Amino acid sequence: MEDLVRALQFDAGAIRGVVGTSSESDVMWLMQLAQDVQSQNLISSGHVDHAQETLTEMALLHDLLLGPMEDRQYIELYERAQPHLDDMLKKSGDQPLMEHPVALMMVGLYGWLVLRMKKETLSAETEASMVALREMANGLARGHIRVYQGR
């Protein structure tokens, strides 16, 4: 969404045009995001504070599920995704943000979304990677429910 408001050059009319007939709360949320991006001087790249905090929480949850909780189901999903994450890390070069597996997973899923939106044909290898990353993300979501809602 940060990239969307950047692409729309923080223009309120353009934001309303993209949101269309959605609820006013959706428009207001995007307008607030645009304001946050600008006020935090993230005009060309970067994540607003609350997005970065969410990513940090997800990374901590990942570490908790692998470590102290020893969530076997999540560990298995992560192990299936790990070769794909390692590949992404090798291709990313020297980007410190990309060090944690959850950050890599999110970047991979975002890239997949962008490619799908462009209607580009994906290789079988890319599709297989995205399945592994999507399953890891779903496992992380189940872990979140387990940890924070006690289910």
Protein backbone atom coordinates (compact mmCIF):
# COMPACT_ATOMS: atom_id res chain seq x y z
CA MET A 1 0.00 0.00 0.00
CA GLU A 2 2.96 2.29 0.60
CA ASP A 3 4.03 1.77 -3.00
CA LEU A 4 0.48 2.46 -4.16
CA VAL A 5 0.29 5.87 -2.48
CA ARG A 6 3.76 6.68 -3.83
CA ALA A 7 2.68 5.71 -7.34
CA LEU A 8 -0.36 7.97 -6.94
CA GLN A 9 2.01 10.75 -5.83
CA PHE A 10 0.05 11.18 -2.58
CA ASP A 11 -2.80 12.80 -4.53
CA ALA A 12 -6.11 12.59 -2.65
CA GLY A 13 -8.17 12.54 -5.84
CA ALA A 14 -6.10 9.74 -7.32
CA ILE A 15 -6.36 7.76 -4.08
CA ARG A 16 -10.15 8.17 -4.09
CA GLY A 17 -10.20 7.10 -7.73
CA VAL A 18 -8.31 3.89 -7.02
CA VAL A 19 -10.42 2.99 -4.02
CA GLY A 20 -13.59 3.66 -6.00
CA THR A 21 -16.83 2.74 -4.33
CA SER A 22 -15.19 1.14 -1.30
CA SER A 23 -16.05 2.42 2.12
CA GLU A 24 -14.99 5.84 3.28
CA SER A 25 -12.91 4.15 5.99
CA ASP A 26 -10.76 2.54 3.25
CA VAL A 27 -10.20 5.96 1.67
CA MET A 28 -9.34 7.51 5.04
CA TRP A 29 -6.94 4.67 5.86
CA LEU A 30 -5.06 5.16 2.58
CA MET A 31 -5.04 8.95 3.05
CA GLN A 32 -3.55 8.49 6.54
CA LEU A 33 -0.97 6.09 5.13
CA ALA A 34 -0.03 8.65 2.48
CA GLN A 35 0.36 11.29 5.18
CA ASP A 36 2.48 8.92 7.32
CA VAL A 37 4.75 8.06 4.38
CA GLN A 38 5.31 11.75 3.69
CA SER A 39 5.76 12.80 7.33
CA GLN A 40 8.29 10.01 7.90
CA ASN A 41 10.19 11.12 4.78
CA LEU A 42 9.70 7.81 2.97
CA ILE A 43 8.84 9.42 -0.36
CA SER A 44 10.77 6.97 -2.54
CA SER A 45 11.09 3.85 -0.39
CA GLY A 46 10.89 2.37 3.08
CA HIS A 47 8.17 1.37 5.48
CA VAL A 48 6.16 3.48 7.90
CA ASP A 49 6.79 2.81 11.57
CA HIS A 50 3.67 0.73 12.18
CA ALA A 51 4.45 -1.52 9.19
CA GLN A 52 8.00 -2.02 10.42
CA GLU A 53 6.68 -2.83 13.91
CA THR A 54 4.35 -5.45 12.44
CA LEU A 55 7.23 -7.02 10.51
CA THR A 56 9.29 -7.11 13.72
CA GLU A 57 6.42 -8.78 15.59
CA MET A 58 6.10 -11.37 12.82
CA ALA A 59 9.84 -12.08 13.01
CA LEU A 60 9.62 -12.53 16.80
CA LEU A 61 6.64 -14.88 16.38
CA HIS A 62 8.61 -16.89 13.80
CA ASP A 63 11.51 -17.22 16.23
CA LEU A 64 9.12 -18.21 19.05
CA LEU A 65 7.45 -20.91 16.95
CA LEU A 66 10.81 -22.34 15.90
CA GLY A 67 12.42 -22.06 19.32
CA PRO A 68 10.63 -22.20 22.67
CA MET A 69 7.25 -23.37 21.33
CA GLU A 70 8.73 -25.95 18.95
CA ASP A 71 5.64 -25.82 16.75
CA ARG A 72 6.23 -28.94 14.62
CA GLN A 73 3.76 -27.91 11.91
CA TYR A 74 5.33 -24.47 11.50
CA ILE A 75 8.86 -25.90 11.61
CA GLU A 76 7.96 -28.26 8.75
CA LEU A 77 6.48 -25.43 6.66
CA TYR A 78 9.51 -23.26 7.31
CA GLU A 79 11.90 -26.07 6.37
CA ARG A 80 10.02 -26.50 3.06
CA ALA A 81 10.29 -22.76 2.39
CA GLN A 82 13.90 -22.40 3.52
CA PRO A 83 15.60 -23.40 0.23
CA HIS A 84 13.46 -20.83 -1.58
CA LEU A 85 14.29 -18.19 1.04
CA ASP A 86 17.99 -19.02 0.72
CA ASP A 87 17.72 -18.56 -3.05
CA MET A 88 16.06 -15.19 -2.58
CA LEU A 89 18.75 -14.11 -0.14
CA LYS A 90 21.48 -15.01 -2.63
CA LYS A 91 19.70 -13.02 -5.35
CA SER A 92 19.06 -10.01 -3.11
CA GLY A 93 22.70 -9.02 -2.85
CA ASP A 94 23.73 -6.93 0.12
CA GLN A 95 20.40 -5.77 1.57
CA PRO A 96 20.38 -5.80 5.39
CA LEU A 97 16.55 -5.72 5.55
CA MET A 98 16.52 -9.11 3.87
CA GLU A 99 18.35 -10.94 6.64
CA HIS A 100 15.35 -12.39 8.51
CA PRO A 101 13.35 -15.21 6.89
CA VAL A 102 10.06 -13.41 7.55
CA ALA A 103 11.29 -10.29 5.72
CA LEU A 104 12.35 -12.48 2.81
CA MET A 105 8.98 -14.24 2.83
CA MET A 106 7.11 -10.92 2.73
CA VAL A 107 9.27 -9.53 -0.08
CA GLY A 108 8.77 -12.74 -2.05
CA LEU A 109 5.00 -12.67 -1.64
CA TYR A 110 4.92 -8.98 -2.56
CA GLY A 111 6.96 -9.66 -5.69
CA TRP A 112 4.61 -12.48 -6.62
CA LEU A 113 1.62 -10.15 -6.19
CA VAL A 114 3.20 -7.52 -8.42
CA LEU A 115 3.95 -10.09 -11.13
CA ARG A 116 0.40 -11.41 -10.95
CA MET A 117 -1.02 -7.89 -11.20
CA LYS A 118 1.10 -7.34 -14.32
CA LYS A 119 -0.33 -10.62 -15.66
CA GLU A 120 3.17 -11.94 -16.26
CA THR A 121 3.73 -15.62 -16.84
CA LEU A 122 5.57 -17.23 -13.96
CA SER A 123 7.93 -20.14 -14.30
CA ALA A 124 7.07 -23.42 -12.62
CA GLU A 125 10.03 -22.82 -10.29
CA THR A 126 8.68 -19.41 -9.23
CA GLU A 127 5.20 -20.84 -8.68
CA ALA A 128 6.65 -23.63 -6.52
CA SER A 129 8.57 -21.07 -4.48
CA MET A 130 5.46 -19.00 -3.96
CA VAL A 131 3.48 -22.03 -2.80
CA ALA A 132 6.15 -22.73 -0.17
CA LEU A 133 6.21 -19.08 0.94
CA ARG A 134 2.42 -18.87 1.04
CA GLU A 135 2.23 -22.01 3.19
CA MET A 136 4.85 -20.58 5.54
CA ALA A 137 2.82 -17.35 5.81
CA ASN A 138 -0.33 -19.36 6.54
CA GLY A 139 1.55 -21.32 9.22
CA LEU A 140 2.73 -18.07 10.77
CA ALA A 141 -0.87 -16.82 10.81
CA ARG A 142 -2.00 -20.02 12.56
CA GLY A 143 0.82 -19.54 15.05
CA HIS A 144 -0.37 -15.99 15.68
CA ILE A 145 -3.87 -17.23 16.47
CA ARG A 146 -2.44 -19.90 18.76
CA VAL A 147 -0.16 -17.51 20.64
CA TYR A 148 -2.36 -14.43 20.85
CA GLN A 149 -5.82 -16.00 21.01
CA GLY A 150 -4.97 -19.22 22.80
CA ARG A 151 -6.55 -21.52 20.22
